[in-house]
């Protein structure tokens, strides 16, 4: 519930702040000394790539939040399904 409130206040680009740490944690593990700096870097890279794709590659300019939602939605569905089946997601 708190995550939903944060996204509704900060906007859909703030969704990256929820998405990237989960992705990075699944790759490097729970070590916060590496997780936090890599989350900053990966979040910036994701937004730069998404902005480049939405402005330059696609024939019409779409909001950057649409592309980040297309990336993040399936990932959060994966996390939810993994935890629902009793498996450990990370």
PDB file of N, CA and C in Angstrom:
ATOM      1  N   UNK A   1       0.820  -1.180   0.000  1.00  0.00           N
ATOM      2  CA  UNK A   1       0.000   0.000   0.000  1.00  0.00           C
ATOM      3  C   UNK A   1       0.875   1.259   0.000  1.00  0.00           C
ATOM      4  N   UNK A   2       1.952   1.218   0.753  1.00  0.00           N
ATOM      5  CA  UNK A   2       2.851   2.366   0.806  1.00  0.00           C
ATOM      6  C   UNK A   2       3.492   2.598  -0.561  1.00  0.00           C
ATOM      7  N   UNK A   3       3.856   1.525  -1.246  1.00  0.00           N
ATOM      8  CA  UNK A   3       4.460   1.661  -2.576  1.00  0.00           C
ATOM      9  C   UNK A   3       3.473   2.301  -3.549  1.00  0.00           C
ATOM     10  N   UNK A   4       2.210   1.919  -3.473  1.00  0.00           N
ATOM     11  CA  UNK A   4       1.198   2.499  -4.359  1.00  0.00           C
ATOM     12  C   UNK A   4       1.031   3.991  -4.095  1.00  0.00           C
ATOM     13  N   UNK A   5       1.057   4.384  -2.841  1.00  0.00           N
ATOM     14  CA  UNK A   5       0.945   5.802  -2.500  1.00  0.00           C
ATOM     15  C   UNK A   5       2.163   6.569  -3.012  1.00  0.00           C
ATOM     16  N   UNK A   6       3.344   6.000  -2.855  1.00  0.00           N
ATOM     17  CA  UNK A   6       4.569   6.666  -3.335  1.00  0.00           C
ATOM     18  C   UNK A   6       4.541   6.870  -4.842  1.00  0.00           C
ATOM     19  N   UNK A   7       4.111   5.862  -5.585  1.00  0.00           N
ATOM     20  CA  UNK A   7       4.044   5.985  -7.046  1.00  0.00           C
ATOM     21  C   UNK A   7       2.984   6.996  -7.445  1.00  0.00           C
ATOM     22  N   UNK A   8       1.850   7.014  -6.746  1.00  0.00           N
ATOM     23  CA  UNK A   8       0.799   7.964  -7.106  1.00  0.00           C
ATOM     24  C   UNK A   8       1.231   9.403  -6.837  1.00  0.00           C
ATOM     25  N   UNK A   9       2.065   9.622  -5.838  1.00  0.00           N
ATOM     26  CA  UNK A   9       2.539  10.969  -5.534  1.00  0.00           C
ATOM     27  C   UNK A   9       3.686  11.379  -6.456  1.00  0.00           C
ATOM     28  N   UNK A  10       4.636  10.492  -6.670  1.00  0.00           N
ATOM     29  CA  UNK A  10       5.834  10.853  -7.434  1.00  0.00           C
ATOM     30  C   UNK A  10       5.663  10.713  -8.934  1.00  0.00           C
ATOM     31  N   UNK A  11       4.685   9.973  -9.374  1.00  0.00           N
ATOM     32  CA  UNK A  11       4.473   9.782 -10.801  1.00  0.00           C
ATOM     33  C   UNK A  11       5.027   8.456 -11.279  1.00  0.00           C
ATOM     34  N   UNK A  12       4.784   8.162 -12.525  1.00  0.00           N
ATOM     35  CA  UNK A  12       5.145   6.858 -13.064  1.00  0.00           C
ATOM     36  C   UNK A  12       6.654   6.700 -13.222  1.00  0.00           C
ATOM     37  N   UNK A  13       7.380   7.797 -13.392  1.00  0.00           N
ATOM     38  CA  UNK A  13       8.829   7.670 -13.494  1.00  0.00           C
ATOM     39  C   UNK A  13       9.406   7.263 -12.145  1.00  0.00           C
ATOM     40  N   UNK A  14       8.746   7.632 -11.060  1.00  0.00           N
ATOM     41  CA  UNK A  14       9.163   7.177  -9.745  1.00  0.00           C
ATOM     42  C   UNK A  14       9.058   5.674  -9.593  1.00  0.00           C
ATOM     43  N   UNK A  15       8.313   5.048 -10.495  1.00  0.00           N
ATOM     44  CA  UNK A  15       8.181   3.593 -10.526  1.00  0.00           C
ATOM     45  C   UNK A  15       9.549   2.943 -10.734  1.00  0.00           C
ATOM     46  N   UNK A  16      10.452   3.658 -11.369  1.00  0.00           N
ATOM     47  CA  UNK A  16      11.812   3.147 -11.589  1.00  0.00           C
ATOM     48  C   UNK A  16      12.501   2.910 -10.251  1.00  0.00           C
ATOM     49  N   UNK A  17      12.203   3.759  -9.268  1.00  0.00           N
ATOM     50  CA  UNK A  17      12.780   3.596  -7.944  1.00  0.00           C
ATOM     51  C   UNK A  17      12.329   2.332  -7.247  1.00  0.00           C
ATOM     52  N   UNK A  18      11.216   1.774  -7.667  1.00  0.00           N
ATOM     53  CA  UNK A  18      10.750   0.499  -7.124  1.00  0.00           C
ATOM     54  C   UNK A  18      11.250  -0.671  -7.953  1.00  0.00           C
ATOM     55  N   UNK A  19      11.394  -0.455  -9.225  1.00  0.00           N
ATOM     56  CA  UNK A  19      11.743  -1.519 -10.157  1.00  0.00           C
ATOM     57  C   UNK A  19      13.227  -1.880 -10.123  1.00  0.00           C
ATOM     58  N   UNK A  20      14.076  -0.904 -10.238  1.00  0.00           N
ATOM     59  CA  UNK A  20      15.512  -1.141 -10.388  1.00  0.00           C
ATOM     60  C   UNK A  20      16.142  -1.844  -9.185  1.00  0.00           C
ATOM     61  N   UNK A  21      15.875  -1.430  -7.942  1.00  0.00           N
ATOM     62  CA  UNK A  21      16.511  -2.160  -6.829  1.00  0.00           C
ATOM     63  C   UNK A  21      16.161  -3.643  -6.788  1.00  0.00           C
ATOM     64  N   UNK A  22      14.931  -3.995  -7.168  1.00  0.00           N
ATOM     65  CA  UNK A  22      14.562  -5.412  -7.212  1.00  0.00           C
ATOM     66  C   UNK A  22      15.338  -6.149  -8.303  1.00  0.00           C
ATOM     67  N   UNK A  23      15.489  -5.511  -9.455  1.00  0.00           N
ATOM     68  CA  UNK A  23      16.245  -6.149 -10.535  1.00  0.00           C
ATOM     69  C   UNK A  23      17.714  -6.324 -10.157  1.00  0.00           C
ATOM     70  N   UNK A  24      18.301  -5.291  -9.577  1.00  0.00           N
ATOM     71  CA  UNK A  24      19.710  -5.365  -9.193  1.00  0.00           C
ATOM     72  C   UNK A  24      19.902  -6.396  -8.086  1.00  0.00           C
ATOM     73  N   UNK A  25      18.992  -6.443  -7.122  1.00  0.00           N
ATOM     74  CA  UNK A  25      19.102  -7.419  -6.040  1.00  0.00           C
ATOM     75  C   UNK A  25      19.040  -8.842  -6.571  1.00  0.00           C
ATOM     76  N   UNK A  26      18.258  -9.061  -7.612  1.00  0.00           N
ATOM     77  CA  UNK A  26      18.180 -10.410  -8.174  1.00  0.00           C
ATOM     78  C   UNK A  26      19.483 -10.812  -8.864  1.00  0.00           C
ATOM     79  N   UNK A  27      20.282  -9.826  -9.270  1.00  0.00           N
ATOM     80  CA  UNK A  27      21.542 -10.116  -9.950  1.00  0.00           C
ATOM     81  C   UNK A  27      22.709 -10.224  -8.971  1.00  0.00           C
ATOM     82  N   UNK A  28      22.840  -9.253  -8.048  1.00  0.00           N
ATOM     83  CA  UNK A  28      24.034  -9.221  -7.193  1.00  0.00           C
ATOM     84  C   UNK A  28      23.803  -9.713  -5.774  1.00  0.00           C
ATOM     85  N   UNK A  29      22.555  -9.870  -5.363  1.00  0.00           N
ATOM     86  CA  UNK A  29      22.282 -10.309  -3.999  1.00  0.00           C
ATOM     87  C   UNK A  29      21.983  -9.137  -3.074  1.00  0.00           C
ATOM     88  N   UNK A  30      21.848  -9.410  -1.780  1.00  0.00           N
ATOM     89  CA  UNK A  30      21.386  -8.381  -0.839  1.00  0.00           C
ATOM     90  C   UNK A  30      22.476  -7.492  -0.235  1.00  0.00           C
ATOM     91  N   UNK A  31      23.671  -7.478  -0.772  1.00  0.00           N
ATOM     92  CA  UNK A  31      24.757  -6.666  -0.224  1.00  0.00           C
ATOM     93  C   UNK A  31      24.500  -5.187  -0.524  1.00  0.00           C
ATOM     94  N   UNK A  32      24.105  -4.427   0.508  1.00  0.00           N
ATOM     95  CA  UNK A  32      23.735  -3.024   0.317  1.00  0.00           C
ATOM     96  C   UNK A  32      24.906  -2.137  -0.082  1.00  0.00           C
ATOM     97  N   UNK A  33      26.117  -2.540   0.215  1.00  0.00           N
ATOM     98  CA  UNK A  33      27.277  -1.732  -0.183  1.00  0.00           C
ATOM     99  C   UNK A  33      27.385  -1.650  -1.699  1.00  0.00           C
ATOM    100  N   UNK A  34      26.966  -2.680  -2.388  1.00  0.00           N
ATOM    101  CA  UNK A  34      26.986  -2.680  -3.857  1.00  0.00           C
ATOM    102  C   UNK A  34      25.612  -2.372  -4.433  1.00  0.00           C
ATOM    103  N   UNK A  35      24.554  -2.736  -3.709  1.00  0.00           N
ATOM    104  CA  UNK A  35      23.191  -2.592  -4.222  1.00  0.00           C
ATOM    105  C   UNK A  35      22.798  -1.133  -4.429  1.00  0.00           C
ATOM    106  N   UNK A  36      23.075  -0.285  -3.461  1.00  0.00           N
ATOM    107  CA  UNK A  36      22.634   1.108  -3.547  1.00  0.00           C
ATOM    108  C   UNK A  36      23.329   1.862  -4.682  1.00  0.00           C
ATOM    109  N   UNK A  37      24.664   1.835  -4.782  1.00  0.00           N
ATOM    110  CA  UNK A  37      25.286   2.549  -5.915  1.00  0.00           C
ATOM    111  C   UNK A  37      24.894   1.982  -7.280  1.00  0.00           C
ATOM    112  N   UNK A  38      24.792   0.662  -7.378  1.00  0.00           N
ATOM    113  CA  UNK A  38      24.399   0.073  -8.659  1.00  0.00           C
ATOM    114  C   UNK A  38      22.949   0.389  -9.003  1.00  0.00           C
ATOM    115  N   UNK A  39      22.091   0.529  -7.991  1.00  0.00           N
ATOM    116  CA  UNK A  39      20.702   0.917  -8.243  1.00  0.00           C
ATOM    117  C   UNK A  39      20.633   2.327  -8.809  1.00  0.00           C
ATOM    118  N   UNK A  40      21.436   3.243  -8.253  1.00  0.00           N
ATOM    119  CA  UNK A  40      21.488   4.608  -8.793  1.00  0.00           C
ATOM    120  C   UNK A  40      21.914   4.588 -10.253  1.00  0.00           C
ATOM    121  N   UNK A  41      22.978   3.877 -10.525  1.00  0.00           N
ATOM    122  CA  UNK A  41      23.530   3.819 -11.877  1.00  0.00           C
ATOM    123  C   UNK A  41      22.560   3.149 -12.851  1.00  0.00           C
ATOM    124  N   UNK A  42      21.993   2.029 -12.454  1.00  0.00           N
ATOM    125  CA  UNK A  42      21.072   1.308 -13.338  1.00  0.00           C
ATOM    126  C   UNK A  42      19.792   2.103 -13.578  1.00  0.00           C
ATOM    127  N   UNK A  43      19.303   2.809 -12.566  1.00  0.00           N
ATOM    128  CA  UNK A  43      18.117   3.646 -12.744  1.00  0.00           C
ATOM    129  C   UNK A  43      18.361   4.763 -13.739  1.00  0.00           C
ATOM    130  N   UNK A  44      19.522   5.392 -13.633  1.00  0.00           N
ATOM    131  CA  UNK A  44      19.869   6.458 -14.578  1.00  0.00           C
ATOM    132  C   UNK A  44      20.012   5.915 -15.991  1.00  0.00           C
ATOM    133  N   UNK A  45      20.654   4.767 -16.117  1.00  0.00           N
ATOM    134  CA  UNK A  45      20.831   4.161 -17.444  1.00  0.00           C
ATOM    135  C   UNK A  45      19.489   3.758 -18.040  1.00  0.00           C
ATOM    136  N   UNK A  46      18.605   3.183 -17.214  1.00  0.00           N
ATOM    137  CA  UNK A  46      17.280   2.790 -17.714  1.00  0.00           C
ATOM    138  C   UNK A  46      16.504   3.998 -18.217  1.00  0.00           C
ATOM    139  N   UNK A  47      16.510   5.090 -17.453  1.00  0.00           N
ATOM    140  CA  UNK A  47      15.773   6.273 -17.885  1.00  0.00           C
ATOM    141  C   UNK A  47      16.386   6.911 -19.125  1.00  0.00           C
ATOM    142  N   UNK A  48      17.706   6.925 -19.218  1.00  0.00           N
ATOM    143  CA  UNK A  48      18.343   7.462 -20.427  1.00  0.00           C
ATOM    144  C   UNK A  48      18.003   6.630 -21.657  1.00  0.00           C
ATOM    145  N   UNK A  49      18.062   5.317 -21.511  1.00  0.00           N
ATOM    146  CA  UNK A  49      17.726   4.439 -22.643  1.00  0.00           C
ATOM    147  C   UNK A  49      16.253   4.553 -23.012  1.00  0.00           C
ATOM    148  N   UNK A  50      15.388   4.581 -22.008  1.00  0.00           N
ATOM    149  CA  UNK A  50      13.955   4.697 -22.284  1.00  0.00           C
ATOM    150  C   UNK A  50      13.639   6.029 -22.952  1.00  0.00           C
ATOM    151  N   UNK A  51      14.264   7.104 -22.505  1.00  0.00           N
ATOM    152  CA  UNK A  51      14.036   8.411 -23.114  1.00  0.00           C
ATOM    153  C   UNK A  51      14.543   8.445 -24.548  1.00  0.00           C
ATOM    154  N   UNK A  52      15.692   7.847 -24.790  1.00  0.00           N
ATOM    155  CA  UNK A  52      16.236   7.791 -26.150  1.00  0.00           C
ATOM    156  C   UNK A  52      15.317   6.998 -27.069  1.00  0.00           C
ATOM    157  N   UNK A  53      14.822   5.872 -26.578  1.00  0.00           N
ATOM    158  CA  UNK A  53      13.923   5.049 -27.395  1.00  0.00           C
ATOM    159  C   UNK A  53      12.633   5.790 -27.694  1.00  0.00           C
ATOM    160  N   UNK A  54      12.045   6.433 -26.668  1.00  0.00           N
ATOM    161  CA  UNK A  54      10.761   7.104 -26.894  1.00  0.00           C
ATOM    162  C   UNK A  54      10.891   8.340 -27.770  1.00  0.00           C
ATOM    163  N   UNK A  55      12.057   8.970 -27.800  1.00  0.00           N
ATOM    164  CA  UNK A  55      12.218  10.182 -28.609  1.00  0.00           C
ATOM    165  C   UNK A  55      12.779   9.911 -30.003  1.00  0.00           C
ATOM    166  N   UNK A  56      13.737   9.021 -30.104  1.00  0.00           N
ATOM    167  CA  UNK A  56      14.477   8.882 -31.357  1.00  0.00           C
ATOM    168  C   UNK A  56      14.076   7.667 -32.177  1.00  0.00           C
ATOM    169  N   UNK A  57      13.839   6.559 -31.545  1.00  0.00           N
ATOM    170  CA  UNK A  57      13.631   5.317 -32.286  1.00  0.00           C
ATOM    171  C   UNK A  57      12.193   5.178 -32.769  1.00  0.00           C
ATOM    172  N   UNK A  58      11.244   5.463 -31.890  1.00  0.00           N
ATOM    173  CA  UNK A  58       9.836   5.305 -32.263  1.00  0.00           C
ATOM    174  C   UNK A  58       9.389   6.456 -33.164  1.00  0.00           C
ATOM    175  N   UNK A  59       8.465   6.201 -34.086  1.00  0.00           N
ATOM    176  CA  UNK A  59       8.043   7.253 -35.018  1.00  0.00           C
ATOM    177  C   UNK A  59       7.244   8.380 -34.356  1.00  0.00           C
ATOM    178  N   UNK A  60       6.567   8.094 -33.247  1.00  0.00           N
ATOM    179  CA  UNK A  60       5.845   9.134 -32.511  1.00  0.00           C
ATOM    180  C   UNK A  60       6.411   9.192 -31.099  1.00  0.00           C
ATOM    181  N   UNK A  61       6.370  10.378 -30.517  1.00  0.00           N
ATOM    182  CA  UNK A  61       6.897  10.529 -29.163  1.00  0.00           C
ATOM    183  C   UNK A  61       5.832  10.097 -28.164  1.00  0.00           C
ATOM    184  N   UNK A  62       6.175   9.129 -27.353  1.00  0.00           N
ATOM    185  CA  UNK A  62       5.261   8.662 -26.313  1.00  0.00           C
ATOM    186  C   UNK A  62       5.865   9.021 -24.961  1.00  0.00           C
ATOM    187  N   UNK A  63       5.033   9.107 -23.920  1.00  0.00           N
ATOM    188  CA  UNK A  63       5.576   9.417 -22.591  1.00  0.00           C
ATOM    189  C   UNK A  63       6.546   8.333 -22.122  1.00  0.00           C
ATOM    190  N   UNK A  64       7.588   8.751 -21.435  1.00  0.00           N
ATOM    191  CA  UNK A  64       8.605   7.819 -20.967  1.00  0.00           C
ATOM    192  C   UNK A  64       8.021   6.835 -19.958  1.00  0.00           C
ATOM    193  N   UNK A  65       6.999   7.259 -19.230  1.00  0.00           N
ATOM    194  CA  UNK A  65       6.363   6.384 -18.252  1.00  0.00           C
ATOM    195  C   UNK A  65       5.717   5.163 -18.877  1.00  0.00           C
ATOM    196  N   UNK A  66       5.280   5.286 -20.115  1.00  0.00           N
ATOM    197  CA  UNK A  66       4.676   4.139 -20.799  1.00  0.00           C
ATOM    198  C   UNK A  66       5.716   3.043 -21.002  1.00  0.00           C
ATOM    199  N   UNK A  67       6.894   3.423 -21.449  1.00  0.00           N
ATOM    200  CA  UNK A  67       7.946   2.429 -21.680  1.00  0.00           C
ATOM    201  C   UNK A  67       8.439   1.817 -20.373  1.00  0.00           C
ATOM    202  N   UNK A  68       8.606   2.636 -19.325  1.00  0.00           N
ATOM    203  CA  UNK A  68       9.042   2.070 -18.045  1.00  0.00           C
ATOM    204  C   UNK A  68       7.981   1.147 -17.464  1.00  0.00           C
ATOM    205  N   UNK A  69       6.716   1.450 -17.687  1.00  0.00           N
ATOM    206  CA  UNK A  69       5.651   0.560 -17.215  1.00  0.00           C
ATOM    207  C   UNK A  69       5.643  -0.749 -17.999  1.00  0.00           C
ATOM    208  N   UNK A  70       5.941  -0.688 -19.290  1.00  0.00           N
ATOM    209  CA  UNK A  70       6.013  -1.917 -20.087  1.00  0.00           C
ATOM    210  C   UNK A  70       7.165  -2.810 -19.642  1.00  0.00           C
ATOM    211  N   UNK A  71       8.222  -2.207 -19.139  1.00  0.00           N
ATOM    212  CA  UNK A  71       9.346  -2.986 -18.624  1.00  0.00           C
ATOM    213  C   UNK A  71       9.044  -3.492 -17.218  1.00  0.00           C
ATOM    214  N   UNK A  72       8.527  -2.621 -16.370  1.00  0.00           N
ATOM    215  CA  UNK A  72       8.336  -2.956 -14.961  1.00  0.00           C
ATOM    216  C   UNK A  72       7.143  -3.828 -14.653  1.00  0.00           C
ATOM    217  N   UNK A  73       6.071  -3.692 -15.401  1.00  0.00           N
ATOM    218  CA  UNK A  73       4.868  -4.480 -15.139  1.00  0.00           C
ATOM    219  C   UNK A  73       5.103  -5.976 -15.182  1.00  0.00           C
ATOM    220  N   UNK A  74       5.666  -6.494 -16.260  1.00  0.00           N
ATOM    221  CA  UNK A  74       5.932  -7.939 -16.303  1.00  0.00           C
ATOM    222  C   UNK A  74       6.916  -8.407 -15.233  1.00  0.00           C
ATOM    223  N   UNK A  75       7.881  -7.556 -14.884  1.00  0.00           N
ATOM    224  CA  UNK A  75       8.845  -7.955 -13.855  1.00  0.00           C
ATOM    225  C   UNK A  75       8.166  -8.092 -12.497  1.00  0.00           C
ATOM    226  N   UNK A  76       7.295  -7.144 -12.147  1.00  0.00           N
ATOM    227  CA  UNK A  76       6.590  -7.262 -10.876  1.00  0.00           C
ATOM    228  C   UNK A  76       5.598  -8.415 -10.884  1.00  0.00           C
ATOM    229  N   UNK A  77       5.013  -8.729 -12.024  1.00  0.00           N
ATOM    230  CA  UNK A  77       4.161  -9.929 -12.116  1.00  0.00           C
ATOM    231  C   UNK A  77       4.988 -11.188 -11.871  1.00  0.00           C
ATOM    232  N   UNK A  78       6.209 -11.214 -12.377  1.00  0.00           N
ATOM    233  CA  UNK A  78       7.114 -12.341 -12.140  1.00  0.00           C
ATOM    234  C   UNK A  78       7.422 -12.477 -10.650  1.00  0.00           C
ATOM    235  N   UNK A  79       7.733 -11.358  -9.992  1.00  0.00           N
ATOM    236  CA  UNK A  79       8.029 -11.403  -8.559  1.00  0.00           C
ATOM    237  C   UNK A  79       6.813 -11.894  -7.784  1.00  0.00           C
ATOM    238  N   UNK A  80       5.640 -11.373  -8.109  1.00  0.00           N
ATOM    239  CA  UNK A  80       4.419 -11.765  -7.411  1.00  0.00           C
ATOM    240  C   UNK A  80       4.138 -13.247  -7.597  1.00  0.00           C
ATOM    241  N   UNK A  81       4.261 -13.739  -8.810  1.00  0.00           N
ATOM    242  CA  UNK A  81       3.994 -15.151  -9.085  1.00  0.00           C
ATOM    243  C   UNK A  81       5.000 -16.045  -8.359  1.00  0.00           C
ATOM    244  N   UNK A  82       6.253 -15.638  -8.350  1.00  0.00           N
ATOM    245  CA  UNK A  82       7.299 -16.428  -7.694  1.00  0.00           C
ATOM    246  C   UNK A  82       7.045 -16.531  -6.190  1.00  0.00           C
ATOM    247  N   UNK A  83       6.661 -15.444  -5.570  1.00  0.00           N
ATOM    248  CA  UNK A  83       6.399 -15.464  -4.125  1.00  0.00           C
ATOM    249  C   UNK A  83       5.099 -16.180  -3.804  1.00  0.00           C
ATOM    250  N   UNK A  84       4.145 -16.132  -4.704  1.00  0.00           N
ATOM    251  CA  UNK A  84       2.862 -16.786  -4.475  1.00  0.00           C
ATOM    252  C   UNK A  84       3.002 -18.304  -4.518  1.00  0.00           C
ATOM    253  N   UNK A  85       3.910 -18.805  -5.325  1.00  0.00           N
ATOM    254  CA  UNK A  85       4.099 -20.251  -5.426  1.00  0.00           C
ATOM    255  C   UNK A  85       4.961 -20.798  -4.302  1.00  0.00           C
ATOM    256  N   UNK A  86       5.451 -19.931  -3.435  1.00  0.00           N
ATOM    257  CA  UNK A  86       6.238 -20.383  -2.300  1.00  0.00           C
ATOM    258  C   UNK A  86       7.719 -20.362  -2.543  1.00  0.00           C
ATOM    259  N   UNK A  87       8.133 -20.058  -3.759  1.00  0.00           N
ATOM    260  CA  UNK A  87       9.558 -19.978  -4.063  1.00  0.00           C
ATOM    261  C   UNK A  87      10.136 -18.666  -3.599  1.00  0.00           C
ATOM    262  N   UNK A  88      11.403 -18.642  -3.423  1.00  0.00           N
ATOM    263  CA  UNK A  88      12.068 -17.405  -3.025  1.00  0.00           C
ATOM    264  C   UNK A  88      12.399 -16.626  -4.290  1.00  0.00           C
ATOM    265  N   UNK A  89      11.937 -15.370  -4.371  1.00  0.00           N
ATOM    266  CA  UNK A  89      12.135 -14.574  -5.580  1.00  0.00           C
ATOM    267  C   UNK A  89      13.584 -14.144  -5.738  1.00  0.00           C
ATOM    268  N   UNK A  90      14.280 -13.899  -4.622  1.00  0.00           N
ATOM    269  CA  UNK A  90      15.667 -13.430  -4.727  1.00  0.00           C
ATOM    270  C   UNK A  90      16.524 -14.176  -3.764  1.00  0.00           C
TER     271      UNK A  90
END
